[in-house]
Amino acid sequence: MAITKERASRLEGSFGTEKEYYHLKKIKACTKSTETLWIFFGIHTSNTLDIGRRMAKQRLQEAT
């Protein structure tokens, strides 16, 4: 049970950080579904940027 709580806390913290960084708290969605959609795309954008940074870093390391 403690592992589950720790994992949930980390996930919530990660979402909170992403919401702050991408200004998702300022979304003026009119419905719950559009708000969910905006958050969904914000999280996926964040993940895509992280993957791109890791790939670029790996290519730099391979080039040296």
N, C-alpha and C. Protein backbone atom coordinates (compact mmCIF):
# COMPACT_ATOMS: atom_id res chain seq x y z
N MET A 1 0.82 -1.20 0.00
CA MET A 1 0.00 0.00 0.00
C MET A 1 0.87 1.26 0.00
N ALA A 2 1.99 1.25 0.73
CA ALA A 2 2.86 2.42 0.78
C ALA A 2 3.47 2.71 -0.58
N ILE A 3 3.81 1.67 -1.32
CA ILE A 3 4.37 1.87 -2.65
C ILE A 3 3.35 2.56 -3.56
N THR A 4 2.12 2.14 -3.45
CA THR A 4 1.06 2.73 -4.26
C THR A 4 0.89 4.21 -3.94
N LYS A 5 0.92 4.56 -2.67
CA LYS A 5 0.79 5.97 -2.27
C LYS A 5 1.97 6.79 -2.78
N GLU A 6 3.17 6.24 -2.68
CA GLU A 6 4.36 6.96 -3.15
C GLU A 6 4.28 7.17 -4.66
N ARG A 7 3.90 6.14 -5.37
CA ARG A 7 3.78 6.23 -6.83
C ARG A 7 2.72 7.27 -7.21
N ALA A 8 1.60 7.24 -6.55
CA ALA A 8 0.53 8.20 -6.83
C ALA A 8 1.00 9.62 -6.54
N SER A 9 1.73 9.81 -5.46
CA SER A 9 2.24 11.13 -5.11
C SER A 9 3.20 11.66 -6.17
N ARG A 10 4.07 10.78 -6.67
CA ARG A 10 5.01 11.19 -7.70
C ARG A 10 4.29 11.56 -9.00
N LEU A 11 3.30 10.76 -9.36
CA LEU A 11 2.55 11.04 -10.58
C LEU A 11 1.81 12.36 -10.47
N GLU A 12 1.16 12.59 -9.35
CA GLU A 12 0.44 13.85 -9.15
C GLU A 12 1.40 15.03 -9.17
N GLY A 13 2.56 14.85 -8.57
CA GLY A 13 3.56 15.91 -8.57
C GLY A 13 4.05 16.22 -9.98
N SER A 14 4.23 15.16 -10.76
CA SER A 14 4.66 15.32 -12.15
C SER A 14 3.61 16.07 -12.96
N PHE A 15 2.35 15.71 -12.80
CA PHE A 15 1.28 16.40 -13.50
C PHE A 15 1.20 17.87 -13.08
N GLY A 16 1.36 18.10 -11.80
CA GLY A 16 1.33 19.48 -11.30
C GLY A 16 2.45 20.31 -11.89
N THR A 17 3.64 19.73 -11.97
CA THR A 17 4.78 20.43 -12.55
C THR A 17 4.53 20.74 -14.02
N GLU A 18 4.00 19.77 -14.75
CA GLU A 18 3.71 19.98 -16.17
C GLU A 18 2.65 21.05 -16.36
N LYS A 19 1.63 21.04 -15.51
CA LYS A 19 0.58 22.05 -15.62
C LYS A 19 1.15 23.45 -15.41
N GLU A 20 2.06 23.58 -14.47
CA GLU A 20 2.69 24.88 -14.22
C GLU A 20 3.56 25.30 -15.40
N TYR A 21 4.40 24.38 -15.88
CA TYR A 21 5.37 24.70 -16.93
C TYR A 21 4.69 25.09 -18.23
N TYR A 22 3.64 24.37 -18.59
CA TYR A 22 2.95 24.64 -19.86
C TYR A 22 1.73 25.55 -19.69
N HIS A 23 1.60 26.16 -18.53
CA HIS A 23 0.51 27.12 -18.26
C HIS A 23 -0.88 26.50 -18.46
N LEU A 24 -1.01 25.23 -18.11
CA LEU A 24 -2.30 24.56 -18.29
C LEU A 24 -3.33 25.00 -17.25
N LYS A 25 -2.91 25.66 -16.19
CA LYS A 25 -3.87 26.16 -15.21
C LYS A 25 -4.68 27.33 -15.76
N LYS A 26 -4.16 27.95 -16.81
CA LYS A 26 -4.83 29.11 -17.39
C LYS A 26 -5.82 28.74 -18.49
N ILE A 27 -6.04 27.47 -18.69
CA ILE A 27 -6.96 27.03 -19.75
C ILE A 27 -8.37 27.49 -19.41
N LYS A 28 -9.01 28.07 -20.38
CA LYS A 28 -10.39 28.54 -20.20
C LYS A 28 -11.33 27.63 -20.99
N ALA A 29 -11.30 26.36 -20.69
CA ALA A 29 -12.17 25.41 -21.38
C ALA A 29 -13.60 25.60 -20.89
N CYS A 30 -14.51 25.42 -21.81
CA CYS A 30 -15.93 25.62 -21.48
C CYS A 30 -16.57 24.37 -20.90
N THR A 31 -16.03 23.21 -21.24
CA THR A 31 -16.62 21.96 -20.75
C THR A 31 -15.53 21.09 -20.15
N LYS A 32 -15.95 20.12 -19.39
CA LYS A 32 -15.01 19.18 -18.77
C LYS A 32 -14.25 18.40 -19.83
N SER A 33 -14.91 18.03 -20.91
CA SER A 33 -14.24 17.24 -21.95
C SER A 33 -13.16 18.06 -22.67
N THR A 34 -13.41 19.34 -22.92
CA THR A 34 -12.38 20.15 -23.59
C THR A 34 -11.21 20.43 -22.65
N GLU A 35 -11.49 20.58 -21.37
CA GLU A 35 -10.42 20.76 -20.39
C GLU A 35 -9.55 19.51 -20.35
N THR A 36 -10.17 18.35 -20.31
CA THR A 36 -9.44 17.09 -20.30
C THR A 36 -8.59 16.95 -21.56
N LEU A 37 -9.15 17.33 -22.69
CA LEU A 37 -8.42 17.25 -23.95
C LEU A 37 -7.18 18.15 -23.95
N TRP A 38 -7.32 19.37 -23.46
CA TRP A 38 -6.18 20.28 -23.38
C TRP A 38 -5.08 19.71 -22.49
N ILE A 39 -5.46 19.17 -21.36
CA ILE A 39 -4.47 18.59 -20.44
C ILE A 39 -3.81 17.37 -21.07
N PHE A 40 -4.60 16.54 -21.75
CA PHE A 40 -4.08 15.37 -22.45
C PHE A 40 -2.99 15.79 -23.44
N PHE A 41 -3.28 16.78 -24.27
CA PHE A 41 -2.30 17.21 -25.26
C PHE A 41 -1.09 17.88 -24.60
N GLY A 42 -1.30 18.57 -23.51
CA GLY A 42 -0.18 19.18 -22.79
C GLY A 42 0.78 18.14 -22.26
N ILE A 43 0.25 17.08 -21.69
CA ILE A 43 1.10 16.01 -21.15
C ILE A 43 1.84 15.30 -22.28
N HIS A 44 1.14 15.03 -23.38
CA HIS A 44 1.79 14.36 -24.50
C HIS A 44 2.85 15.25 -25.16
N THR A 45 2.62 16.54 -25.18
CA THR A 45 3.63 17.47 -25.69
C THR A 45 4.88 17.41 -24.82
N SER A 46 4.68 17.40 -23.52
CA SER A 46 5.79 17.31 -22.59
C SER A 46 6.59 16.03 -22.81
N ASN A 47 5.88 14.91 -22.94
CA ASN A 47 6.55 13.63 -23.16
C ASN A 47 7.32 13.63 -24.46
N THR A 48 6.75 14.21 -25.51
CA THR A 48 7.42 14.28 -26.81
C THR A 48 8.71 15.09 -26.72
N LEU A 49 8.65 16.22 -26.03
CA LEU A 49 9.85 17.04 -25.85
C LEU A 49 10.92 16.31 -25.06
N ASP A 50 10.53 15.58 -24.02
CA ASP A 50 11.50 14.79 -23.24
C ASP A 50 12.17 13.73 -24.11
N ILE A 51 11.39 13.04 -24.93
CA ILE A 51 11.95 12.02 -25.81
C ILE A 51 12.92 12.65 -26.80
N GLY A 52 12.54 13.78 -27.39
CA GLY A 52 13.42 14.47 -28.32
C GLY A 52 14.73 14.90 -27.69
N ARG A 53 14.67 15.40 -26.46
CA ARG A 53 15.89 15.81 -25.76
C ARG A 53 16.80 14.61 -25.49
N ARG A 54 16.19 13.49 -25.08
CA ARG A 54 16.99 12.28 -24.83
C ARG A 54 17.64 11.78 -26.12
N MET A 55 16.91 11.81 -27.22
CA MET A 55 17.46 11.37 -28.50
C MET A 55 18.61 12.27 -28.94
N ALA A 56 18.45 13.58 -28.79
CA ALA A 56 19.51 14.52 -29.16
C ALA A 56 20.75 14.30 -28.30
N LYS A 57 20.55 14.09 -27.01
CA LYS A 57 21.67 13.85 -26.11
C LYS A 57 22.40 12.57 -26.49
N GLN A 58 21.65 11.54 -26.81
CA GLN A 58 22.25 10.25 -27.19
C GLN A 58 23.06 10.41 -28.49
N ARG A 59 22.52 11.15 -29.45
CA ARG A 59 23.26 11.37 -30.71
C ARG A 59 24.56 12.14 -30.47
N LEU A 60 24.52 13.12 -29.59
CA LEU A 60 25.73 13.87 -29.26
C LEU A 60 26.77 12.97 -28.62
N GLN A 61 26.33 12.09 -27.74
CA GLN A 61 27.26 11.16 -27.08
C GLN A 61 27.85 10.18 -28.09
N GLU A 62 27.06 9.73 -29.04
CA GLU A 62 27.55 8.79 -30.04
C GLU A 62 28.53 9.46 -31.00
N ALA A 63 28.35 10.76 -31.24
CA ALA A 63 29.21 11.49 -32.16
C ALA A 63 30.59 11.78 -31.57
N THR A 64 30.70 11.77 -30.26
CA THR A 64 31.98 12.07 -29.62
C THR A 64 32.76 10.84 -29.28
